[in-house]
Amino acid sequence: MRALSTRLRRLETRFESMIAAAQPPCPSPVPFITELLDQWGIVRCANESLFEAFARALGMTCRELRAELMRRAGLGRTPNPAVGKQRG
């Protein structure tokens, strides 16, 4: 039992230093996107989310933007041929 508590103390010490050395989580992209929209002269509508305004600024639907972000992150499913097509 004594060996177990000694080992546990060593592991706690080791992991505490690893946690302290870990990088902070990624910063939020909200300020960057908000500033970008301001630079482009895009104003959010009353009930429009930041994502919706960003998609509109890029000339895409929310579904198209989400699919593109998922694709770039490597999380996309099979390619959707409808994404990226011009509407007539």
PDB file of N, CA and C in Angstrom:
ATOM      1  N   MET A   1       0.822  -1.189   0.000  1.00  0.00           N
ATOM      2  CA  MET A   1       0.000   0.000   0.000  1.00  0.00           C
ATOM      3  C   MET A   1       0.867   1.253   0.000  1.00  0.00           C
ATOM      4  N   ARG A   2       1.966   1.192   0.713  1.00  0.00           N
ATOM      5  CA  ARG A   2       2.850   2.351   0.782  1.00  0.00           C
ATOM      6  C   ARG A   2       3.454   2.649  -0.599  1.00  0.00           C
ATOM      7  N   ALA A   3       3.835   1.605  -1.331  1.00  0.00           N
ATOM      8  CA  ALA A   3       4.403   1.794  -2.669  1.00  0.00           C
ATOM      9  C   ALA A   3       3.378   2.430  -3.603  1.00  0.00           C
ATOM     10  N   LEU A   4       2.144   2.050  -3.436  1.00  0.00           N
ATOM     11  CA  LEU A   4       1.082   2.600  -4.277  1.00  0.00           C
ATOM     12  C   LEU A   4       0.897   4.099  -4.020  1.00  0.00           C
ATOM     13  N   SER A   5       0.887   4.502  -2.751  1.00  0.00           N
ATOM     14  CA  SER A   5       0.701   5.925  -2.453  1.00  0.00           C
ATOM     15  C   SER A   5       1.916   6.740  -2.909  1.00  0.00           C
ATOM     16  N   THR A   6       3.113   6.163  -2.820  1.00  0.00           N
ATOM     17  CA  THR A   6       4.313   6.847  -3.298  1.00  0.00           C
ATOM     18  C   THR A   6       4.231   7.037  -4.809  1.00  0.00           C
ATOM     19  N   ARG A   7       3.843   5.995  -5.499  1.00  0.00           N
ATOM     20  CA  ARG A   7       3.706   6.061  -6.962  1.00  0.00           C
ATOM     21  C   ARG A   7       2.641   7.079  -7.362  1.00  0.00           C
ATOM     22  N   LEU A   8       1.548   7.088  -6.643  1.00  0.00           N
ATOM     23  CA  LEU A   8       0.467   8.028  -6.924  1.00  0.00           C
ATOM     24  C   LEU A   8       0.943   9.470  -6.739  1.00  0.00           C
ATOM     25  N   ARG A   9       1.703   9.741  -5.670  1.00  0.00           N
ATOM     26  CA  ARG A   9       2.239  11.083  -5.444  1.00  0.00           C
ATOM     27  C   ARG A   9       3.163  11.512  -6.581  1.00  0.00           C
ATOM     28  N   ARG A  10       4.013  10.576  -7.042  1.00  0.00           N
ATOM     29  CA  ARG A  10       4.923  10.889  -8.144  1.00  0.00           C
ATOM     30  C   ARG A  10       4.153  11.205  -9.429  1.00  0.00           C
ATOM     31  N   LEU A  11       3.130  10.416  -9.688  1.00  0.00           N
ATOM     32  CA  LEU A  11       2.320  10.655 -10.893  1.00  0.00           C
ATOM     33  C   LEU A  11       1.596  11.996 -10.812  1.00  0.00           C
ATOM     34  N   GLU A  12       1.046  12.315  -9.647  1.00  0.00           N
ATOM     35  CA  GLU A  12       0.361  13.601  -9.491  1.00  0.00           C
ATOM     36  C   GLU A  12       1.316  14.758  -9.742  1.00  0.00           C
ATOM     37  N   THR A  13       2.523  14.669  -9.206  1.00  0.00           N
ATOM     38  CA  THR A  13       3.526  15.712  -9.409  1.00  0.00           C
ATOM     39  C   THR A  13       3.877  15.833 -10.881  1.00  0.00           C
ATOM     40  N   ARG A  14       4.059  14.707 -11.529  1.00  0.00           N
ATOM     41  CA  ARG A  14       4.422  14.705 -12.953  1.00  0.00           C
ATOM     42  C   ARG A  14       3.324  15.320 -13.804  1.00  0.00           C
ATOM     43  N   PHE A  15       2.084  14.923 -13.544  1.00  0.00           N
ATOM     44  CA  PHE A  15       0.988  15.435 -14.346  1.00  0.00           C
ATOM     45  C   PHE A  15       0.662  16.889 -14.036  1.00  0.00           C
ATOM     46  N   GLU A  16       0.876  17.343 -12.823  1.00  0.00           N
ATOM     47  CA  GLU A  16       0.672  18.751 -12.504  1.00  0.00           C
ATOM     48  C   GLU A  16       1.604  19.625 -13.328  1.00  0.00           C
ATOM     49  N   SER A  17       2.860  19.206 -13.469  1.00  0.00           N
ATOM     50  CA  SER A  17       3.803  19.992 -14.263  1.00  0.00           C
ATOM     51  C   SER A  17       3.437  19.945 -15.750  1.00  0.00           C
ATOM     52  N   MET A  18       2.907  18.806 -16.210  1.00  0.00           N
ATOM     53  CA  MET A  18       2.488  18.709 -17.615  1.00  0.00           C
ATOM     54  C   MET A  18       1.299  19.618 -17.886  1.00  0.00           C
ATOM     55  N   ILE A  19       0.369  19.676 -16.944  1.00  0.00           N
ATOM     56  CA  ILE A  19      -0.809  20.531 -17.118  1.00  0.00           C
ATOM     57  C   ILE A  19      -0.401  21.995 -17.094  1.00  0.00           C
ATOM     58  N   ALA A  20       0.512  22.338 -16.196  1.00  0.00           N
ATOM     59  CA  ALA A  20       0.978  23.721 -16.115  1.00  0.00           C
ATOM     60  C   ALA A  20       1.708  24.138 -17.389  1.00  0.00           C
ATOM     61  N   ALA A  21       2.409  23.200 -18.028  1.00  0.00           N
ATOM     62  CA  ALA A  21       3.167  23.504 -19.236  1.00  0.00           C
ATOM     63  C   ALA A  21       2.297  23.507 -20.490  1.00  0.00           C
ATOM     64  N   ALA A  22       1.094  22.998 -20.383  1.00  0.00           N
ATOM     65  CA  ALA A  22       0.207  22.913 -21.553  1.00  0.00           C
ATOM     66  C   ALA A  22      -0.163  24.318 -22.028  1.00  0.00           C
ATOM     67  N   GLN A  23      -0.352  24.435 -23.327  1.00  0.00           N
ATOM     68  CA  GLN A  23      -0.729  25.715 -23.906  1.00  0.00           C
ATOM     69  C   GLN A  23      -2.184  26.022 -23.572  1.00  0.00           C
ATOM     70  N   PRO A  24      -2.511  27.294 -23.465  1.00  0.00           N
ATOM     71  CA  PRO A  24      -3.907  27.652 -23.233  1.00  0.00           C
ATOM     72  C   PRO A  24      -4.743  27.261 -24.450  1.00  0.00           C
ATOM     73  N   PRO A  25      -6.055  27.141 -24.279  1.00  0.00           N
ATOM     74  CA  PRO A  25      -6.912  26.778 -25.416  1.00  0.00           C
ATOM     75  C   PRO A  25      -6.838  27.831 -26.514  1.00  0.00           C
ATOM     76  N   CYS A  26      -7.248  27.453 -27.681  1.00  0.00           N
ATOM     77  CA  CYS A  26      -7.216  28.366 -28.833  1.00  0.00           C
ATOM     78  C   CYS A  26      -8.045  29.614 -28.535  1.00  0.00           C
ATOM     79  N   PRO A  27      -7.570  30.756 -28.977  1.00  0.00           N
ATOM     80  CA  PRO A  27      -8.361  31.968 -28.767  1.00  0.00           C
ATOM     81  C   PRO A  27      -9.619  31.945 -29.631  1.00  0.00           C
ATOM     82  N   SER A  28     -10.597  32.668 -29.218  1.00  0.00           N
ATOM     83  CA  SER A  28     -11.855  32.726 -29.952  1.00  0.00           C
ATOM     84  C   SER A  28     -11.662  33.471 -31.270  1.00  0.00           C
ATOM     85  N   PRO A  29     -12.254  32.983 -32.362  1.00  0.00           N
ATOM     86  CA  PRO A  29     -12.145  33.680 -33.643  1.00  0.00           C
ATOM     87  C   PRO A  29     -13.140  34.834 -33.776  1.00  0.00           C
ATOM     88  N   VAL A  30     -14.003  35.015 -32.785  1.00  0.00           N
ATOM     89  CA  VAL A  30     -15.061  36.024 -32.881  1.00  0.00           C
ATOM     90  C   VAL A  30     -14.506  37.430 -33.114  1.00  0.00           C
ATOM     91  N   PRO A  31     -13.517  37.908 -32.333  1.00  0.00           N
ATOM     92  CA  PRO A  31     -13.018  39.268 -32.598  1.00  0.00           C
ATOM     93  C   PRO A  31     -12.415  39.416 -33.996  1.00  0.00           C
ATOM     94  N   PHE A  32     -11.717  38.392 -34.455  1.00  0.00           N
ATOM     95  CA  PHE A  32     -11.111  38.438 -35.789  1.00  0.00           C
ATOM     96  C   PHE A  32     -12.181  38.537 -36.867  1.00  0.00           C
ATOM     97  N   ILE A  33     -13.211  37.704 -36.786  1.00  0.00           N
ATOM     98  CA  ILE A  33     -14.269  37.690 -37.801  1.00  0.00           C
ATOM     99  C   ILE A  33     -15.064  38.997 -37.752  1.00  0.00           C
ATOM    100  N   THR A  34     -15.332  39.489 -36.545  1.00  0.00           N
ATOM    101  CA  THR A  34     -16.063  40.755 -36.406  1.00  0.00           C
ATOM    102  C   THR A  34     -15.280  41.900 -37.043  1.00  0.00           C
ATOM    103  N   GLU A  35     -13.978  41.945 -36.791  1.00  0.00           N
ATOM    104  CA  GLU A  35     -13.139  42.989 -37.385  1.00  0.00           C
ATOM    105  C   GLU A  35     -13.087  42.864 -38.911  1.00  0.00           C
ATOM    106  N   LEU A  36     -13.006  41.630 -39.387  1.00  0.00           N
ATOM    107  CA  LEU A  36     -12.978  41.382 -40.825  1.00  0.00           C
ATOM    108  C   LEU A  36     -14.264  41.873 -41.487  1.00  0.00           C
ATOM    109  N   LEU A  37     -15.406  41.567 -40.869  1.00  0.00           N
ATOM    110  CA  LEU A  37     -16.686  42.023 -41.410  1.00  0.00           C
ATOM    111  C   LEU A  37     -16.751  43.545 -41.417  1.00  0.00           C
ATOM    112  N   ASP A  38     -16.241  44.178 -40.362  1.00  0.00           N
ATOM    113  CA  ASP A  38     -16.217  45.648 -40.316  1.00  0.00           C
ATOM    114  C   ASP A  38     -15.369  46.214 -41.450  1.00  0.00           C
ATOM    115  N   GLN A  39     -14.216  45.606 -41.686  1.00  0.00           N
ATOM    116  CA  GLN A  39     -13.332  46.067 -42.761  1.00  0.00           C
ATOM    117  C   GLN A  39     -13.996  45.928 -44.125  1.00  0.00           C
ATOM    118  N   TRP A  40     -14.781  44.882 -44.290  1.00  0.00           N
ATOM    119  CA  TRP A  40     -15.470  44.650 -45.561  1.00  0.00           C
ATOM    120  C   TRP A  40     -16.743  45.478 -45.689  1.00  0.00           C
ATOM    121  N   GLY A  41     -17.145  46.147 -44.632  1.00  0.00           N
ATOM    122  CA  GLY A  41     -18.357  46.955 -44.652  1.00  0.00           C
ATOM    123  C   GLY A  41     -19.620  46.129 -44.513  1.00  0.00           C
ATOM    124  N   ILE A  42     -19.522  44.955 -43.950  1.00  0.00           N
ATOM    125  CA  ILE A  42     -20.682  44.087 -43.757  1.00  0.00           C
ATOM    126  C   ILE A  42     -21.296  44.373 -42.391  1.00  0.00           C
ATOM    127  N   VAL A  43     -22.589  44.686 -42.376  1.00  0.00           N
ATOM    128  CA  VAL A  43     -23.306  44.968 -41.139  1.00  0.00           C
ATOM    129  C   VAL A  43     -24.249  43.806 -40.866  1.00  0.00           C
ATOM    130  N   ARG A  44     -24.198  43.304 -39.635  1.00  0.00           N
ATOM    131  CA  ARG A  44     -25.102  42.212 -39.264  1.00  0.00           C
ATOM    132  C   ARG A  44     -26.528  42.722 -39.139  1.00  0.00           C
ATOM    133  N   CYS A  45     -27.459  41.938 -39.660  1.00  0.00           N
ATOM    134  CA  CYS A  45     -28.875  42.270 -39.546  1.00  0.00           C
ATOM    135  C   CYS A  45     -29.329  42.012 -38.103  1.00  0.00           C
ATOM    136  N   ALA A  46     -30.540  42.437 -37.789  1.00  0.00           N
ATOM    137  CA  ALA A  46     -31.041  42.382 -36.415  1.00  0.00           C
ATOM    138  C   ALA A  46     -30.977  40.981 -35.797  1.00  0.00           C
ATOM    139  N   ASN A  47     -31.498  40.005 -36.481  1.00  0.00           N
ATOM    140  CA  ASN A  47     -31.534  38.655 -35.922  1.00  0.00           C
ATOM    141  C   ASN A  47     -30.550  37.713 -36.611  1.00  0.00           C
ATOM    142  N   GLU A  48     -29.467  38.257 -37.117  1.00  0.00           N
ATOM    143  CA  GLU A  48     -28.498  37.461 -37.870  1.00  0.00           C
ATOM    144  C   GLU A  48     -27.321  37.085 -36.968  1.00  0.00           C
ATOM    145  N   SER A  49     -26.947  35.818 -36.983  1.00  0.00           N
ATOM    146  CA  SER A  49     -25.794  35.381 -36.205  1.00  0.00           C
ATOM    147  C   SER A  49     -24.507  35.795 -36.906  1.00  0.00           C
ATOM    148  N   LEU A  50     -23.421  35.747 -36.189  1.00  0.00           N
ATOM    149  CA  LEU A  50     -22.122  36.077 -36.772  1.00  0.00           C
ATOM    150  C   LEU A  50     -21.802  35.111 -37.913  1.00  0.00           C
ATOM    151  N   PHE A  51     -22.137  33.837 -37.725  1.00  0.00           N
ATOM    152  CA  PHE A  51     -21.896  32.829 -38.762  1.00  0.00           C
ATOM    153  C   PHE A  51     -22.693  33.153 -40.022  1.00  0.00           C
ATOM    154  N   GLU A  52     -23.954  33.545 -39.851  1.00  0.00           N
ATOM    155  CA  GLU A  52     -24.791  33.899 -40.997  1.00  0.00           C
ATOM    156  C   GLU A  52     -24.240  35.124 -41.731  1.00  0.00           C
ATOM    157  N   ALA A  53     -23.791  36.122 -40.971  1.00  0.00           N
ATOM    158  CA  ALA A  53     -23.221  37.324 -41.589  1.00  0.00           C
ATOM    159  C   ALA A  53     -21.933  36.986 -42.331  1.00  0.00           C
ATOM    160  N   PHE A  54     -21.111  36.124 -41.744  1.00  0.00           N
ATOM    161  CA  PHE A  54     -19.854  35.728 -42.381  1.00  0.00           C
ATOM    162  C   PHE A  54     -20.125  34.962 -43.674  1.00  0.00           C
ATOM    163  N   ALA A  55     -21.093  34.046 -43.637  1.00  0.00           N
ATOM    164  CA  ALA A  55     -21.451  33.290 -44.843  1.00  0.00           C
ATOM    165  C   ALA A  55     -21.962  34.240 -45.924  1.00  0.00           C
ATOM    166  N   ARG A  56     -22.800  35.196 -45.533  1.00  0.00           N
ATOM    167  CA  ARG A  56     -23.333  36.167 -46.496  1.00  0.00           C
ATOM    168  C   ARG A  56     -22.207  36.994 -47.105  1.00  0.00           C
ATOM    169  N   ALA A  57     -21.237  37.382 -46.272  1.00  0.00           N
ATOM    170  CA  ALA A  57     -20.104  38.166 -46.769  1.00  0.00           C
ATOM    171  C   ALA A  57     -19.272  37.375 -47.774  1.00  0.00           C
ATOM    172  N   LEU A  58     -19.219  36.066 -47.593  1.00  0.00           N
ATOM    173  CA  LEU A  58     -18.466  35.211 -48.503  1.00  0.00           C
ATOM    174  C   LEU A  58     -19.283  34.785 -49.719  1.00  0.00           C
ATOM    175  N   GLY A  59     -20.558  35.168 -49.740  1.00  0.00           N
ATOM    176  CA  GLY A  59     -21.417  34.812 -50.867  1.00  0.00           C
ATOM    177  C   GLY A  59     -21.847  33.356 -50.832  1.00  0.00           C
ATOM    178  N   MET A  60     -21.970  32.807 -49.645  1.00  0.00           N
ATOM    179  CA  MET A  60     -22.345  31.398 -49.486  1.00  0.00           C
ATOM    180  C   MET A  60     -23.556  31.303 -48.570  1.00  0.00           C
ATOM    181  N   THR A  61     -24.198  30.151 -48.609  1.00  0.00           N
ATOM    182  CA  THR A  61     -25.222  29.869 -47.611  1.00  0.00           C
ATOM    183  C   THR A  61     -24.521  29.327 -46.373  1.00  0.00           C
ATOM    184  N   CYS A  62     -25.239  29.297 -45.263  1.00  0.00           N
ATOM    185  CA  CYS A  62     -24.661  28.738 -44.031  1.00  0.00           C
ATOM    186  C   CYS A  62     -24.291  27.271 -44.231  1.00  0.00           C
ATOM    187  N   ARG A  63     -25.128  26.546 -44.930  1.00  0.00           N
ATOM    188  CA  ARG A  63     -24.866  25.132 -45.176  1.00  0.00           C
ATOM    189  C   ARG A  63     -23.587  24.950 -46.005  1.00  0.00           C
ATOM    190  N   GLU A  64     -23.401  25.785 -47.016  1.00  0.00           N
ATOM    191  CA  GLU A  64     -22.196  25.705 -47.855  1.00  0.00           C
ATOM    192  C   GLU A  64     -20.944  26.041 -47.051  1.00  0.00           C
ATOM    193  N   LEU A  65     -21.026  27.092 -46.224  1.00  0.00           N
ATOM    194  CA  LEU A  65     -19.872  27.475 -45.407  1.00  0.00           C
ATOM    195  C   LEU A  65     -19.528  26.380 -44.412  1.00  0.00           C
ATOM    196  N   ARG A  66     -20.536  25.819 -43.779  1.00  0.00           N
ATOM    197  CA  ARG A  66     -20.290  24.728 -42.824  1.00  0.00           C
ATOM    198  C   ARG A  66     -19.634  23.543 -43.520  1.00  0.00           C
ATOM    199  N   ALA A  67     -20.126  23.182 -44.693  1.00  0.00           N
ATOM    200  CA  ALA A  67     -19.558  22.062 -45.440  1.00  0.00           C
ATOM    201  C   ALA A  67     -18.103  22.339 -45.819  1.00  0.00           C
ATOM    202  N   GLU A  68     -17.819  23.567 -46.211  1.00  0.00           N
ATOM    203  CA  GLU A  68     -16.451  23.924 -46.588  1.00  0.00           C
ATOM    204  C   GLU A  68     -15.515  23.883 -45.380  1.00  0.00           C
ATOM    205  N   LEU A  69     -15.983  24.401 -44.253  1.00  0.00           N
ATOM    206  CA  LEU A  69     -15.159  24.355 -43.040  1.00  0.00           C
ATOM    207  C   LEU A  69     -14.909  22.921 -42.588  1.00  0.00           C
ATOM    208  N   MET A  70     -15.934  22.099 -42.667  1.00  0.00           N
ATOM    209  CA  MET A  70     -15.784  20.685 -42.302  1.00  0.00           C
ATOM    210  C   MET A  70     -14.818  19.987 -43.252  1.00  0.00           C
ATOM    211  N   ARG A  71     -14.911  20.300 -44.534  1.00  0.00           N
ATOM    212  CA  ARG A  71     -14.019  19.693 -45.517  1.00  0.00           C
ATOM    213  C   ARG A  71     -12.567  20.073 -45.234  1.00  0.00           C
ATOM    214  N   ARG A  72     -12.360  21.357 -44.966  1.00  0.00           N
ATOM    215  CA  ARG A  72     -10.997  21.825 -44.689  1.00  0.00           C
ATOM    216  C   ARG A  72     -10.435  21.251 -43.398  1.00  0.00           C
ATOM    217  N   ALA A  73     -11.309  20.964 -42.454  1.00  0.00           N
ATOM    218  CA  ALA A  73     -10.871  20.377 -41.184  1.00  0.00           C
ATOM    219  C   ALA A  73     -10.678  18.873 -41.307  1.00  0.00           C
ATOM    220  N   GLY A  74     -11.051  18.315 -42.452  1.00  0.00           N
ATOM    221  CA  GLY A  74     -10.916  16.873 -42.646  1.00  0.00           C
ATOM    222  C   GLY A  74     -12.026  16.084 -41.993  1.00  0.00           C
ATOM    223  N   LEU A  75     -13.121  16.752 -41.692  1.00  0.00           N
ATOM    224  CA  LEU A  75     -14.236  16.097 -41.016  1.00  0.00           C
ATOM    225  C   LEU A  75     -15.429  15.879 -41.924  1.00  0.00           C
ATOM    226  N   GLY A  76     -15.288  16.263 -43.183  1.00  0.00           N
ATOM    227  CA  GLY A  76     -16.415  16.166 -44.098  1.00  0.00           C
ATOM    228  C   GLY A  76     -16.733  14.733 -44.464  1.00  0.00           C
ATOM    229  N   ARG A  77     -17.987  14.537 -44.789  1.00  0.00           N
ATOM    230  CA  ARG A  77     -18.409  13.232 -45.299  1.00  0.00           C
ATOM    231  C   ARG A  77     -18.093  13.194 -46.777  1.00  0.00           C
ATOM    232  N   THR A  78     -18.840  12.461 -47.527  1.00  0.00           N
ATOM    233  CA  THR A  78     -18.598  12.401 -48.970  1.00  0.00           C
ATOM    234  C   THR A  78     -18.900  13.769 -49.566  1.00  0.00           C
ATOM    235  N   PRO A  79     -18.178  14.160 -50.596  1.00  0.00           N
ATOM    236  CA  PRO A  79     -18.385  15.482 -51.190  1.00  0.00           C
ATOM    237  C   PRO A  79     -19.799  15.640 -51.709  1.00  0.00           C
ATOM    238  N   ASN A  80     -20.362  16.799 -51.474  1.00  0.00           N
ATOM    239  CA  ASN A  80     -21.708  17.114 -51.929  1.00  0.00           C
ATOM    240  C   ASN A  80     -21.591  17.917 -53.214  1.00  0.00           C
ATOM    241  N   PRO A  81     -22.044  17.362 -54.347  1.00  0.00           N
ATOM    242  CA  PRO A  81     -21.896  18.077 -55.623  1.00  0.00           C
ATOM    243  C   PRO A  81     -22.699  19.382 -55.665  1.00  0.00           C
ATOM    244  N   ALA A  82     -23.717  19.529 -54.790  1.00  0.00           N
ATOM    245  CA  ALA A  82     -24.531  20.730 -54.805  1.00  0.00           C
ATOM    246  C   ALA A  82     -23.799  21.909 -54.169  1.00  0.00           C
ATOM    247  N   VAL A  83     -22.814  21.631 -53.309  1.00  0.00           N
ATOM    248  CA  VAL A  83     -22.100  22.703 -52.624  1.00  0.00           C
ATOM    249  C   VAL A  83     -21.220  23.441 -53.623  1.00  0.00           C
ATOM    250  N   GLY A  84     -21.327  24.744 -53.628  1.00  0.00           N
ATOM    251  CA  GLY A  84     -20.501  25.540 -54.511  1.00  0.00           C
ATOM    252  C   GLY A  84     -21.120  25.835 -55.875  1.00  0.00           C
ATOM    253  N   LYS A  85     -22.262  25.227 -56.181  1.00  0.00           N
ATOM    254  CA  LYS A  85     -22.921  25.492 -57.463  1.00  0.00           C
ATOM    255  C   LYS A  85     -23.652  26.823 -57.400  1.00  0.00           C
ATOM    256  N   GLN A  86     -23.654  27.518 -58.498  1.00  0.00           N
ATOM    257  CA  GLN A  86     -24.361  28.791 -58.595  1.00  0.00           C
ATOM    258  C   GLN A  86     -25.856  28.523 -58.715  1.00  0.00           C
ATOM    259  N   ARG A  87     -26.606  29.372 -58.087  1.00  0.00           N
ATOM    260  CA  ARG A  87     -28.061  29.261 -58.221  1.00  0.00           C
ATOM    261  C   ARG A  87     -28.504  30.110 -59.405  1.00  0.00           C
ATOM    262  N   GLY A  88     -29.471  29.622 -60.116  1.00  0.00           N
ATOM    263  CA  GLY A  88     -29.892  30.335 -61.315  1.00  0.00           C
ATOM    264  C   GLY A  88     -31.194  30.915 -61.235  1.00  0.00           C
TER     265      GLY A  88
END
